[in-house]
């Protein structure tokens, strides 16, 4: 989720300690994932949208990511209303859409978009150069941190390598279709991509060993939690607690007794 257009900003969220942002995002995601009412999920989406606006995220980049995720959620709207049991709302041939199924699909949609906006506002605004130091400061295992940074770095290179191979195939008048030649060509392309990735990884490993890499990245930057960081944390924690209270109120007396 980290992207240059998101991480390059001067908002209050951008200037907040990245460790605090990562912890707050994790807490918010847990709270939002635990919501089971449409009212609570709706307030969660509203709060996440406010976070994204306060971070000054570009509307185009946010919209593209939301459309990508909601493209997958659209399949739930096709299946869930007709597969969940409950009160029938309308019928399409032999299929019956239930109120419970529609509510469940809506709940998943609201929660998914809320969590995604929360991640974009709090985590995607952390520069990748600081992400490794942030994870290390939170005592995340060094192997996971190194793998995360290297995967982020080289996935882009692998994508560019794939585009180069695909362009070379198009130059040679390759036109994909449902035939044996197409399957064989894509098999060759995938094999060349895997071989190229392996060779690149081997060269990177040798270069890092020559530079005395010991399995950990070091940074000269030191994170310091200031008063404004605590203010931002309080401004996020209070609405998170309000979401819990809204959820309890929406579920009624049974939730209080449970």
Protein backbone atom coordinates (compact mmCIF):
# COMPACT_ATOMS: atom_id res chain seq x y z
CA UNK A 1 0.00 0.00 0.00
CA UNK A 2 2.92 2.32 0.46
CA UNK A 3 3.15 4.61 -2.55
CA UNK A 4 5.16 7.73 -3.36
CA UNK A 5 2.04 9.82 -3.95
CA UNK A 6 0.79 8.83 -0.48
CA UNK A 7 4.02 9.05 1.50
CA UNK A 8 5.08 12.46 0.17
CA UNK A 9 2.95 14.86 2.15
CA UNK A 10 3.09 17.43 4.93
CA UNK A 11 -0.13 16.68 6.80
CA UNK A 12 -0.25 16.10 10.54
CA UNK A 13 -0.57 12.36 9.95
CA UNK A 14 2.55 12.38 7.76
CA UNK A 15 4.48 14.08 10.56
CA UNK A 16 3.28 11.65 13.22
CA UNK A 17 5.70 9.02 14.49
CA UNK A 18 5.48 6.02 12.09
CA UNK A 19 5.62 3.50 14.94
CA UNK A 20 2.56 5.08 16.50
CA UNK A 21 0.74 5.12 13.18
CA UNK A 22 1.43 1.43 12.61
CA UNK A 23 0.15 0.48 16.07
CA UNK A 24 -2.92 2.71 15.74
CA UNK A 25 -3.73 1.21 12.34
CA UNK A 26 -3.50 -2.30 13.74
CA UNK A 27 -5.82 -1.40 16.63
CA UNK A 28 -8.32 0.32 14.34
CA UNK A 29 -8.32 -2.59 11.91
CA UNK A 30 -9.07 -5.02 14.76
CA UNK A 31 -11.92 -2.84 16.02
CA UNK A 32 -13.41 -2.41 12.54
CA UNK A 33 -13.08 -6.10 11.73
CA UNK A 34 -15.03 -6.92 14.89
CA UNK A 35 -18.03 -4.77 13.99
CA UNK A 36 -21.19 -6.77 13.31
CA UNK A 37 -23.83 -4.09 12.72
CA UNK A 38 -24.42 -1.88 9.71
CA UNK A 39 -24.62 1.21 11.94
CA UNK A 40 -21.20 0.59 13.48
CA UNK A 41 -19.66 -0.26 10.09
CA UNK A 42 -21.16 2.90 8.56
CA UNK A 43 -19.62 5.09 11.27
CA UNK A 44 -16.32 3.24 10.78
CA UNK A 45 -16.36 4.06 7.06
CA UNK A 46 -17.13 7.70 7.82
CA UNK A 47 -14.25 7.89 10.30
CA UNK A 48 -11.83 6.22 7.87
CA UNK A 49 -12.86 8.64 5.13
CA UNK A 50 -12.14 11.55 7.50
CA UNK A 51 -8.70 10.05 8.20
CA UNK A 52 -7.95 9.78 4.49
CA UNK A 53 -9.05 13.40 3.94
CA UNK A 54 -6.95 14.65 6.86
CA UNK A 55 -3.91 12.88 5.38
CA UNK A 56 -4.43 14.74 2.11
CA UNK A 57 -4.38 11.56 0.00
CA UNK A 58 -4.85 12.08 -3.75
CA UNK A 59 -8.40 11.26 -4.76
CA UNK A 60 -7.36 9.42 -7.91
CA UNK A 61 -5.01 7.05 -6.12
CA UNK A 62 -7.55 6.32 -3.39
CA UNK A 63 -10.31 5.72 -5.93
CA UNK A 64 -8.19 3.31 -7.95
CA UNK A 65 -7.44 1.16 -4.91
CA UNK A 66 -11.03 1.22 -3.71
CA UNK A 67 -12.27 0.18 -7.15
CA UNK A 68 -9.79 -2.69 -7.23
CA UNK A 69 -10.93 -4.05 -3.86
CA UNK A 70 -14.63 -3.49 -4.53
CA UNK A 71 -14.26 -5.35 -7.81
CA UNK A 72 -13.65 -8.49 -5.76
CA UNK A 73 -16.39 -7.59 -3.28
CA UNK A 74 -18.84 -7.35 -6.18
CA UNK A 75 -18.71 -11.14 -6.46
CA UNK A 76 -19.99 -11.34 -2.88
CA UNK A 77 -23.01 -9.29 -3.87
CA UNK A 78 -23.71 -11.84 -6.59
CA UNK A 79 -23.45 -14.85 -4.26
CA UNK A 80 -24.30 -13.88 -0.67
CA UNK A 81 -27.86 -12.51 -1.09
CA UNK A 82 -28.90 -15.75 -2.77
CA UNK A 83 -26.98 -18.19 -0.57
CA UNK A 84 -27.80 -16.98 2.96
CA UNK A 85 -30.95 -18.24 4.59
CA UNK A 86 -33.54 -15.84 5.97
CA UNK A 87 -36.40 -13.57 4.98
CA UNK A 88 -36.89 -13.39 1.21
CA UNK A 89 -36.74 -9.87 -0.25
CA UNK A 90 -37.05 -10.61 -3.97
CA UNK A 91 -36.75 -13.56 -6.32
CA UNK A 92 -34.94 -14.05 -9.63
CA UNK A 93 -36.14 -17.25 -11.21
CA UNK A 94 -35.33 -20.13 -8.86
CA UNK A 95 -33.04 -17.93 -6.74
CA UNK A 96 -34.26 -16.04 -3.68
CA UNK A 97 -32.42 -13.04 -2.25
CA UNK A 98 -32.69 -12.76 1.54
CA UNK A 99 -32.49 -9.72 3.75
CA UNK A 100 -29.82 -11.39 5.88
CA UNK A 101 -27.67 -12.08 2.83
CA UNK A 102 -27.95 -8.47 1.61
CA UNK A 103 -27.08 -7.15 5.07
CA UNK A 104 -24.09 -9.46 5.30
CA UNK A 105 -22.80 -8.33 1.89
CA UNK A 106 -23.28 -4.69 2.90
CA UNK A 107 -21.50 -5.28 6.21
CA UNK A 108 -18.49 -6.85 4.47
CA UNK A 109 -18.40 -3.99 1.97
CA UNK A 110 -18.44 -1.30 4.65
CA UNK A 111 -15.83 -3.01 6.82
CA UNK A 112 -13.50 -3.76 3.91
CA UNK A 113 -13.55 -0.17 2.66
CA UNK A 114 -13.11 1.18 6.18
CA UNK A 115 -10.04 -0.94 6.86
CA UNK A 116 -8.55 -0.13 3.45
CA UNK A 117 -8.98 3.62 3.95
CA UNK A 118 -7.49 3.31 7.42
CA UNK A 119 -4.43 1.51 6.03
CA UNK A 120 -3.99 4.06 3.26
CA UNK A 121 -4.20 6.96 5.71
CA UNK A 122 -1.94 5.60 8.45
CA UNK A 123 0.40 3.05 6.83
CA UNK A 124 0.65 4.01 3.15
CA UNK A 125 1.81 7.46 4.25
CA UNK A 126 4.97 5.95 5.78
CA UNK A 127 7.91 6.18 3.34
CA UNK A 128 9.36 2.78 2.50
CA UNK A 129 12.77 4.07 3.59
CA UNK A 130 11.35 4.42 7.13
CA UNK A 131 9.24 1.26 7.11
CA UNK A 132 12.15 -1.06 7.87
CA UNK A 133 13.30 1.04 10.80
CA UNK A 134 9.70 1.26 12.02
CA UNK A 135 9.26 -2.50 12.01
CA UNK A 136 12.63 -3.02 13.69
CA UNK A 137 11.72 -0.48 16.40
CA UNK A 138 8.55 -2.46 17.12
CA UNK A 139 10.64 -5.61 17.63
CA UNK A 140 9.40 -7.28 14.46
CA UNK A 141 11.77 -10.17 13.58
CA UNK A 142 14.66 -9.05 11.37
CA UNK A 143 14.02 -11.80 8.81
CA UNK A 144 10.45 -10.63 8.27
CA UNK A 145 11.58 -7.01 7.97
CA UNK A 146 14.26 -7.84 5.40
CA UNK A 147 11.90 -10.04 3.39
CA UNK A 148 9.23 -7.34 3.41
CA UNK A 149 11.59 -4.62 2.14
CA UNK A 150 13.22 -6.82 -0.49
CA UNK A 151 9.86 -8.07 -1.77
CA UNK A 152 8.58 -4.51 -2.08
CA UNK A 153 11.75 -3.46 -3.87
CA UNK A 154 12.03 -6.31 -6.34
CA UNK A 155 8.36 -6.94 -7.13
CA UNK A 156 8.50 -3.75 -9.17
CA UNK A 157 11.57 -5.00 -11.05
CA UNK A 158 9.91 -8.36 -11.73
CA UNK A 159 6.85 -6.55 -13.06
CA UNK A 160 9.02 -4.47 -15.38
CA UNK A 161 10.80 -7.64 -16.54
CA UNK A 162 7.42 -9.22 -17.34
CA UNK A 163 6.38 -6.15 -19.31
CA UNK A 164 9.63 -6.29 -21.29
CA UNK A 165 9.10 -9.96 -22.15
CA UNK A 166 5.44 -9.37 -23.05
CA UNK A 167 6.41 -6.45 -25.29
CA UNK A 168 9.03 -8.63 -27.00
CA UNK A 169 6.35 -11.25 -27.65
CA UNK A 170 3.99 -8.66 -29.14
CA UNK A 171 6.74 -7.33 -31.40
CA UNK A 172 7.05 -10.88 -32.75
CA UNK A 173 3.34 -10.74 -33.67
CA UNK A 174 2.17 -12.87 -30.76
CA UNK A 175 -1.58 -12.65 -30.27
CA UNK A 176 -3.04 -14.49 -27.26
CA UNK A 177 -5.89 -16.90 -27.81
CA UNK A 178 -7.34 -20.17 -26.57
CA UNK A 179 -4.94 -22.48 -28.35
CA UNK A 180 -1.89 -24.60 -27.67
CA UNK A 181 0.54 -22.01 -29.05
CA UNK A 182 -0.71 -19.37 -26.58
CA UNK A 183 -0.40 -21.71 -23.59
CA UNK A 184 3.09 -22.76 -24.64
CA UNK A 185 4.16 -19.12 -25.15
CA UNK A 186 2.91 -18.09 -21.71
CA UNK A 187 4.67 -21.10 -20.24
CA UNK A 188 7.95 -20.01 -21.83
CA UNK A 189 7.36 -16.43 -20.64
CA UNK A 190 6.74 -17.57 -17.07
CA UNK A 191 9.80 -19.82 -17.14
CA UNK A 192 12.04 -16.99 -18.41
CA UNK A 193 10.62 -14.71 -15.73
CA UNK A 194 11.37 -17.25 -12.97
CA UNK A 195 14.89 -17.87 -14.27
CA UNK A 196 15.55 -14.14 -14.55
CA UNK A 197 14.23 -13.56 -11.02
CA UNK A 198 16.42 -16.33 -9.65
CA UNK A 199 19.53 -14.95 -11.35
CA UNK A 200 18.76 -11.44 -10.12
CA UNK A 201 18.24 -12.72 -6.57
CA UNK A 202 21.56 -14.58 -6.71
CA UNK A 203 23.39 -11.43 -7.84
CA UNK A 204 21.72 -9.35 -5.14
CA UNK A 205 22.66 -11.94 -2.51
CA UNK A 206 26.29 -11.89 -3.61
CA UNK A 207 26.37 -8.07 -3.64
CA UNK A 208 24.92 -7.91 -0.13
CA UNK A 209 27.45 -10.45 1.17
CA UNK A 210 30.27 -8.39 -0.32
CA UNK A 211 28.93 -5.42 1.64
CA UNK A 212 28.99 -7.45 4.89
CA UNK A 213 25.23 -7.60 5.20
CA UNK A 214 24.28 -9.38 8.46
CA UNK A 215 20.54 -9.72 8.01
CA UNK A 216 19.49 -6.30 9.27
CA UNK A 217 19.09 -2.84 7.78
CA UNK A 218 20.40 0.11 9.76
CA UNK A 219 19.19 3.69 9.65
CA UNK A 220 20.60 6.95 10.96
CA UNK A 221 17.09 8.24 11.69
CA UNK A 222 15.80 7.99 15.26
CA UNK A 223 12.10 8.18 15.95
CA UNK A 224 10.91 10.35 18.83
CA UNK A 225 7.32 10.50 20.09
CA UNK A 226 6.34 14.14 20.67
CA UNK A 227 3.31 15.81 22.18
CA UNK A 228 1.59 16.23 18.82
CA UNK A 229 1.99 12.49 18.20
CA UNK A 230 0.17 11.73 21.43
CA UNK A 231 -2.53 14.21 20.38
CA UNK A 232 -3.01 12.38 17.08
CA UNK A 233 -3.10 9.04 18.93
CA UNK A 234 -5.76 10.40 21.27
CA UNK A 235 -7.74 11.79 18.33
CA UNK A 236 -7.81 8.30 16.80
CA UNK A 237 -8.27 6.28 19.99
CA UNK A 238 -11.36 8.22 21.12
CA UNK A 239 -13.32 7.59 17.89
CA UNK A 240 -12.22 3.93 18.02
CA UNK A 241 -13.72 3.62 21.50
CA UNK A 242 -16.81 5.43 20.24
CA UNK A 243 -17.16 2.80 17.51
CA UNK A 244 -17.16 0.10 20.18
CA UNK A 245 -19.87 1.93 22.14
CA UNK A 246 -21.94 2.45 18.97
CA UNK A 247 -21.63 -1.25 18.19
CA UNK A 248 -22.76 -2.23 21.69
CA UNK A 249 -25.69 0.19 21.54
CA UNK A 250 -26.73 -1.02 18.07
CA UNK A 251 -26.71 -4.65 19.15
CA UNK A 252 -29.00 -3.88 22.06
CA UNK A 253 -29.25 -5.23 25.62
CA UNK A 254 -28.13 -8.72 24.54
CA UNK A 255 -24.65 -7.37 23.78
CA UNK A 256 -24.40 -5.79 27.23
CA UNK A 257 -25.37 -9.05 28.91
CA UNK A 258 -22.95 -11.03 26.70
